[in-house]
Amino acid sequence: MSPSDRIAGLVRAVLILGVICIALIAPAVLALARQAPKPGEPVIVIAPPWGTALQISAVANGRFVAPGRIEAIALVSSDNHEFTDSLYAAGAWLVLNGDLSNILCQTK
């Protein structure tokens, strides 16, 4: 077996392992993400690449809670019952409940 065949086999194995991991974890992540954000509790804002989550939160009159692992993500909150709608109107791509904050944000 040539070195290029070994590398190709290793790449295939890593890709297959990655797909299996995603398939096992994705249902739990999607179940958490699909829960509607609760008014008054922190939410995760995901912004488009050309904006930042903090800018979107500021436009929607939100309060900063924790930074995301990248600028496009932040944990924010507001007492406004229509905060989620305000975030989408301000340009958010996705608003998730705060259950995923330990994964997506720097909460510790």
N, C-alpha and C. Protein backbone atom coordinates (compact mmCIF):
# COMPACT_ATOMS: atom_id res chain seq x y z
N MET A 1 0.85 -1.17 0.00
CA MET A 1 0.00 0.00 0.00
C MET A 1 0.90 1.25 0.00
N SER A 2 0.63 2.15 -0.92
CA SER A 2 1.45 3.35 -1.05
C SER A 2 1.08 4.37 0.03
N PRO A 3 1.99 5.32 0.31
CA PRO A 3 1.71 6.35 1.31
C PRO A 3 0.46 7.18 0.98
N SER A 4 0.24 7.44 -0.31
CA SER A 4 -0.94 8.23 -0.67
C SER A 4 -2.23 7.44 -0.40
N ASP A 5 -2.18 6.10 -0.58
CA ASP A 5 -3.34 5.27 -0.27
C ASP A 5 -3.61 5.26 1.23
N ARG A 6 -2.55 5.23 2.03
CA ARG A 6 -2.70 5.25 3.48
C ARG A 6 -3.31 6.58 3.94
N ILE A 7 -2.85 7.66 3.37
CA ILE A 7 -3.38 8.98 3.72
C ILE A 7 -4.85 9.08 3.32
N ALA A 8 -5.18 8.61 2.14
CA ALA A 8 -6.57 8.64 1.68
C ALA A 8 -7.45 7.80 2.61
N GLY A 9 -6.97 6.63 3.03
CA GLY A 9 -7.72 5.79 3.95
C GLY A 9 -7.91 6.45 5.31
N LEU A 10 -6.88 7.13 5.78
CA LEU A 10 -6.97 7.85 7.05
C LEU A 10 -7.96 9.01 6.97
N VAL A 11 -7.92 9.73 5.87
CA VAL A 11 -8.86 10.84 5.67
C VAL A 11 -10.30 10.31 5.63
N ARG A 12 -10.52 9.21 4.94
CA ARG A 12 -11.86 8.60 4.89
C ARG A 12 -12.33 8.20 6.28
N ALA A 13 -11.43 7.59 7.05
CA ALA A 13 -11.79 7.14 8.41
C ALA A 13 -12.15 8.33 9.30
N VAL A 14 -11.38 9.41 9.20
CA VAL A 14 -11.66 10.60 10.01
C VAL A 14 -13.00 11.22 9.60
N LEU A 15 -13.26 11.29 8.31
CA LEU A 15 -14.54 11.83 7.83
C LEU A 15 -15.72 10.98 8.30
N ILE A 16 -15.58 9.69 8.23
CA ILE A 16 -16.65 8.79 8.67
C ILE A 16 -16.88 8.95 10.17
N LEU A 17 -15.81 9.02 10.94
CA LEU A 17 -15.93 9.22 12.38
C LEU A 17 -16.61 10.55 12.70
N GLY A 18 -16.26 11.59 11.95
CA GLY A 18 -16.88 12.91 12.14
C GLY A 18 -18.37 12.87 11.85
N VAL A 19 -18.75 12.22 10.79
CA VAL A 19 -20.17 12.10 10.43
C VAL A 19 -20.92 11.33 11.51
N ILE A 20 -20.33 10.27 12.02
CA ILE A 20 -20.97 9.50 13.09
C ILE A 20 -21.15 10.35 14.34
N CYS A 21 -20.13 11.11 14.71
CA CYS A 21 -20.23 11.98 15.90
C CYS A 21 -21.33 13.03 15.72
N ILE A 22 -21.38 13.63 14.56
CA ILE A 22 -22.42 14.64 14.29
C ILE A 22 -23.80 13.99 14.34
N ALA A 23 -23.93 12.81 13.78
CA ALA A 23 -25.22 12.12 13.79
C ALA A 23 -25.67 11.78 15.20
N LEU A 24 -24.74 11.49 16.09
CA LEU A 24 -25.09 11.16 17.46
C LEU A 24 -25.42 12.39 18.30
N ILE A 25 -24.74 13.49 18.06
CA ILE A 25 -24.89 14.70 18.87
C ILE A 25 -25.99 15.61 18.33
N ALA A 26 -26.19 15.64 17.04
CA ALA A 26 -27.12 16.59 16.41
C ALA A 26 -28.54 16.53 16.97
N PRO A 27 -29.13 15.37 17.21
CA PRO A 27 -30.50 15.38 17.73
C PRO A 27 -30.64 16.09 19.08
N ALA A 28 -29.69 15.90 19.96
CA ALA A 28 -29.75 16.57 21.27
C ALA A 28 -29.59 18.07 21.12
N VAL A 29 -28.67 18.50 20.29
CA VAL A 29 -28.45 19.93 20.06
C VAL A 29 -29.68 20.56 19.43
N LEU A 30 -30.26 19.90 18.44
CA LEU A 30 -31.45 20.43 17.79
C LEU A 30 -32.63 20.48 18.75
N ALA A 31 -32.77 19.50 19.62
CA ALA A 31 -33.87 19.51 20.60
C ALA A 31 -33.74 20.71 21.53
N LEU A 32 -32.52 20.99 21.98
CA LEU A 32 -32.32 22.17 22.84
C LEU A 32 -32.55 23.46 22.07
N ALA A 33 -32.06 23.51 20.85
CA ALA A 33 -32.15 24.74 20.05
C ALA A 33 -33.58 25.05 19.64
N ARG A 34 -34.40 24.05 19.48
CA ARG A 34 -35.76 24.27 18.99
C ARG A 34 -36.70 24.78 20.08
N GLN A 35 -36.29 24.68 21.34
CA GLN A 35 -37.13 25.20 22.40
C GLN A 35 -37.20 26.72 22.28
N ALA A 36 -38.38 27.25 22.38
CA ALA A 36 -38.57 28.70 22.23
C ALA A 36 -37.90 29.44 23.38
N PRO A 37 -37.24 30.55 23.07
CA PRO A 37 -36.67 31.38 24.14
C PRO A 37 -37.78 31.88 25.06
N LYS A 38 -37.50 31.89 26.36
CA LYS A 38 -38.47 32.34 27.35
C LYS A 38 -38.23 33.81 27.66
N PRO A 39 -39.29 34.62 27.70
CA PRO A 39 -39.13 36.05 28.01
C PRO A 39 -38.42 36.25 29.35
N GLY A 40 -37.47 37.16 29.37
CA GLY A 40 -36.73 37.46 30.58
C GLY A 40 -35.51 36.60 30.80
N GLU A 41 -35.39 35.47 30.10
CA GLU A 41 -34.23 34.61 30.24
C GLU A 41 -33.24 34.91 29.11
N PRO A 42 -31.95 34.70 29.36
CA PRO A 42 -30.95 34.96 28.32
C PRO A 42 -31.18 34.11 27.07
N VAL A 43 -30.84 34.70 25.93
CA VAL A 43 -30.92 34.00 24.65
C VAL A 43 -29.58 34.11 23.94
N ILE A 44 -29.36 33.21 23.04
CA ILE A 44 -28.15 33.23 22.22
C ILE A 44 -28.51 33.86 20.88
N VAL A 45 -27.76 34.88 20.51
CA VAL A 45 -27.98 35.56 19.23
C VAL A 45 -26.86 35.15 18.28
N ILE A 46 -27.23 34.74 17.09
CA ILE A 46 -26.25 34.43 16.06
C ILE A 46 -26.45 35.42 14.93
N ALA A 47 -25.40 36.18 14.67
CA ALA A 47 -25.44 37.27 13.69
C ALA A 47 -24.85 36.80 12.36
N PRO A 48 -25.16 37.52 11.28
CA PRO A 48 -24.52 37.21 10.00
C PRO A 48 -23.04 37.58 10.06
N PRO A 49 -22.24 37.06 9.15
CA PRO A 49 -20.79 37.32 9.17
C PRO A 49 -20.41 38.79 9.10
N TRP A 50 -21.24 39.63 8.50
CA TRP A 50 -20.88 41.05 8.36
C TRP A 50 -21.33 41.88 9.56
N GLY A 51 -21.90 41.30 10.57
CA GLY A 51 -22.33 42.03 11.76
C GLY A 51 -21.84 41.33 13.01
N THR A 52 -22.14 41.92 14.16
CA THR A 52 -21.80 41.26 15.42
C THR A 52 -23.08 41.10 16.24
N ALA A 53 -23.09 40.08 17.06
CA ALA A 53 -24.25 39.81 17.90
C ALA A 53 -24.50 40.96 18.88
N LEU A 54 -23.45 41.59 19.35
CA LEU A 54 -23.63 42.70 20.29
C LEU A 54 -24.27 43.91 19.63
N GLN A 55 -23.93 44.18 18.37
CA GLN A 55 -24.58 45.28 17.65
C GLN A 55 -26.07 45.00 17.50
N ILE A 56 -26.40 43.79 17.14
CA ILE A 56 -27.81 43.42 16.96
C ILE A 56 -28.55 43.53 18.29
N SER A 57 -27.92 43.06 19.36
CA SER A 57 -28.54 43.14 20.68
C SER A 57 -28.76 44.59 21.11
N ALA A 58 -27.79 45.44 20.82
CA ALA A 58 -27.93 46.86 21.18
C ALA A 58 -29.09 47.51 20.43
N VAL A 59 -29.23 47.20 19.15
CA VAL A 59 -30.33 47.74 18.36
C VAL A 59 -31.67 47.26 18.92
N ALA A 60 -31.71 46.03 19.43
CA ALA A 60 -32.94 45.46 19.97
C ALA A 60 -33.14 45.78 21.45
N ASN A 61 -32.29 46.64 22.00
CA ASN A 61 -32.34 47.05 23.42
C ASN A 61 -32.13 45.88 24.38
N GLY A 62 -31.16 45.03 24.04
CA GLY A 62 -30.83 43.90 24.91
C GLY A 62 -29.66 44.22 25.81
N ARG A 63 -29.49 43.40 26.84
CA ARG A 63 -28.37 43.52 27.78
C ARG A 63 -27.37 42.40 27.53
N PHE A 64 -26.11 42.75 27.52
CA PHE A 64 -25.03 41.78 27.33
C PHE A 64 -24.93 40.89 28.57
N VAL A 65 -24.81 39.57 28.35
CA VAL A 65 -24.63 38.62 29.45
C VAL A 65 -23.25 37.96 29.36
N ALA A 66 -22.91 37.43 28.18
CA ALA A 66 -21.62 36.76 28.00
C ALA A 66 -21.25 36.78 26.52
N PRO A 67 -19.94 36.85 26.24
CA PRO A 67 -19.52 36.82 24.84
C PRO A 67 -19.61 35.41 24.28
N GLY A 68 -19.75 35.34 22.97
CA GLY A 68 -19.73 34.06 22.29
C GLY A 68 -18.30 33.66 22.00
N ARG A 69 -18.14 32.49 21.49
CA ARG A 69 -16.79 32.01 21.12
C ARG A 69 -16.27 32.77 19.90
N ILE A 70 -17.19 33.37 19.12
CA ILE A 70 -16.83 34.25 18.02
C ILE A 70 -17.73 35.49 18.11
N GLU A 71 -17.38 36.56 17.40
CA GLU A 71 -18.14 37.81 17.48
C GLU A 71 -19.57 37.69 16.99
N ALA A 72 -19.84 36.72 16.17
CA ALA A 72 -21.18 36.56 15.61
C ALA A 72 -22.16 35.93 16.61
N ILE A 73 -21.67 35.55 17.79
CA ILE A 73 -22.50 34.90 18.80
C ILE A 73 -22.37 35.63 20.12
N ALA A 74 -23.50 35.81 20.83
CA ALA A 74 -23.47 36.40 22.17
C ALA A 74 -24.68 35.92 22.96
N LEU A 75 -24.52 35.90 24.26
CA LEU A 75 -25.61 35.60 25.17
C LEU A 75 -26.12 36.94 25.68
N VAL A 76 -27.39 37.23 25.44
CA VAL A 76 -27.98 38.52 25.80
C VAL A 76 -29.35 38.29 26.44
N SER A 77 -29.88 39.34 27.09
CA SER A 77 -31.20 39.19 27.69
C SER A 77 -31.96 40.51 27.62
N SER A 78 -33.24 40.41 27.89
CA SER A 78 -34.12 41.58 27.93
C SER A 78 -35.41 41.16 28.62
N ASP A 79 -36.06 42.10 29.28
CA ASP A 79 -37.35 41.83 29.90
C ASP A 79 -38.50 42.01 28.92
N ASN A 80 -38.20 42.50 27.73
CA ASN A 80 -39.20 42.71 26.69
C ASN A 80 -39.72 41.36 26.19
N HIS A 81 -41.03 41.16 26.23
CA HIS A 81 -41.61 39.88 25.80
C HIS A 81 -41.48 39.67 24.29
N GLU A 82 -41.19 40.71 23.55
CA GLU A 82 -41.02 40.60 22.09
C GLU A 82 -39.55 40.74 21.69
N PHE A 83 -38.66 40.43 22.63
CA PHE A 83 -37.22 40.59 22.39
C PHE A 83 -36.74 39.74 21.22
N THR A 84 -37.22 38.52 21.13
CA THR A 84 -36.82 37.64 20.02
C THR A 84 -37.18 38.27 18.68
N ASP A 85 -38.39 38.79 18.57
CA ASP A 85 -38.80 39.46 17.33
C ASP A 85 -37.94 40.67 17.05
N SER A 86 -37.58 41.41 18.11
CA SER A 86 -36.73 42.60 17.95
C SER A 86 -35.34 42.21 17.45
N LEU A 87 -34.82 41.09 17.95
CA LEU A 87 -33.50 40.63 17.49
C LEU A 87 -33.53 40.25 16.02
N TYR A 88 -34.58 39.55 15.61
CA TYR A 88 -34.69 39.20 14.18
C TYR A 88 -34.85 40.47 13.34
N ALA A 89 -35.63 41.42 13.81
CA ALA A 89 -35.81 42.67 13.07
C ALA A 89 -34.50 43.46 12.98
N ALA A 90 -33.63 43.30 13.97
CA ALA A 90 -32.34 43.99 13.98
C ALA A 90 -31.29 43.29 13.13
N GLY A 91 -31.62 42.09 12.60
CA GLY A 91 -30.70 41.41 11.70
C GLY A 91 -30.16 40.08 12.17
N ALA A 92 -30.65 39.55 13.28
CA ALA A 92 -30.16 38.25 13.76
C ALA A 92 -30.52 37.15 12.77
N TRP A 93 -29.59 36.25 12.55
CA TRP A 93 -29.87 35.10 11.70
C TRP A 93 -30.62 34.04 12.48
N LEU A 94 -30.28 33.89 13.78
CA LEU A 94 -30.89 32.85 14.59
C LEU A 94 -30.89 33.30 16.04
N VAL A 95 -31.97 33.00 16.75
CA VAL A 95 -32.07 33.27 18.18
C VAL A 95 -32.43 31.95 18.85
N LEU A 96 -31.58 31.51 19.78
CA LEU A 96 -31.78 30.24 20.48
C LEU A 96 -31.98 30.50 21.96
N ASN A 97 -32.65 29.58 22.65
CA ASN A 97 -32.74 29.75 24.09
C ASN A 97 -31.34 29.58 24.68
N GLY A 98 -31.17 29.98 25.91
CA GLY A 98 -29.84 29.99 26.53
C GLY A 98 -29.30 28.65 26.95
N ASP A 99 -30.02 27.56 26.71
CA ASP A 99 -29.56 26.24 27.13
C ASP A 99 -28.24 25.83 26.50
N LEU A 100 -27.93 26.35 25.34
CA LEU A 100 -26.68 25.99 24.66
C LEU A 100 -25.54 26.96 25.00
N SER A 101 -25.75 27.83 25.98
CA SER A 101 -24.75 28.86 26.26
C SER A 101 -23.41 28.28 26.70
N ASN A 102 -23.40 27.15 27.37
CA ASN A 102 -22.13 26.56 27.79
C ASN A 102 -21.30 26.09 26.61
N ILE A 103 -21.96 25.78 25.50
CA ILE A 103 -21.25 25.32 24.31
C ILE A 103 -20.83 26.49 23.42
N LEU A 104 -21.76 27.44 23.21
CA LEU A 104 -21.53 28.51 22.25
C LEU A 104 -20.95 29.79 22.83
N CYS A 105 -21.04 29.97 24.16
CA CYS A 105 -20.60 31.22 24.78
C CYS A 105 -19.58 30.95 25.87
N GLN A 106 -18.86 32.00 26.23
CA GLN A 106 -17.86 31.93 27.28
C GLN A 106 -18.50 32.33 28.60
N THR A 107 -19.26 31.41 29.20
CA THR A 107 -20.03 31.73 30.39
C THR A 107 -19.27 31.50 31.69
N LYS A 108 -18.08 30.94 31.63
CA LYS A 108 -17.33 30.67 32.85
C LYS A 108 -16.06 31.47 32.92
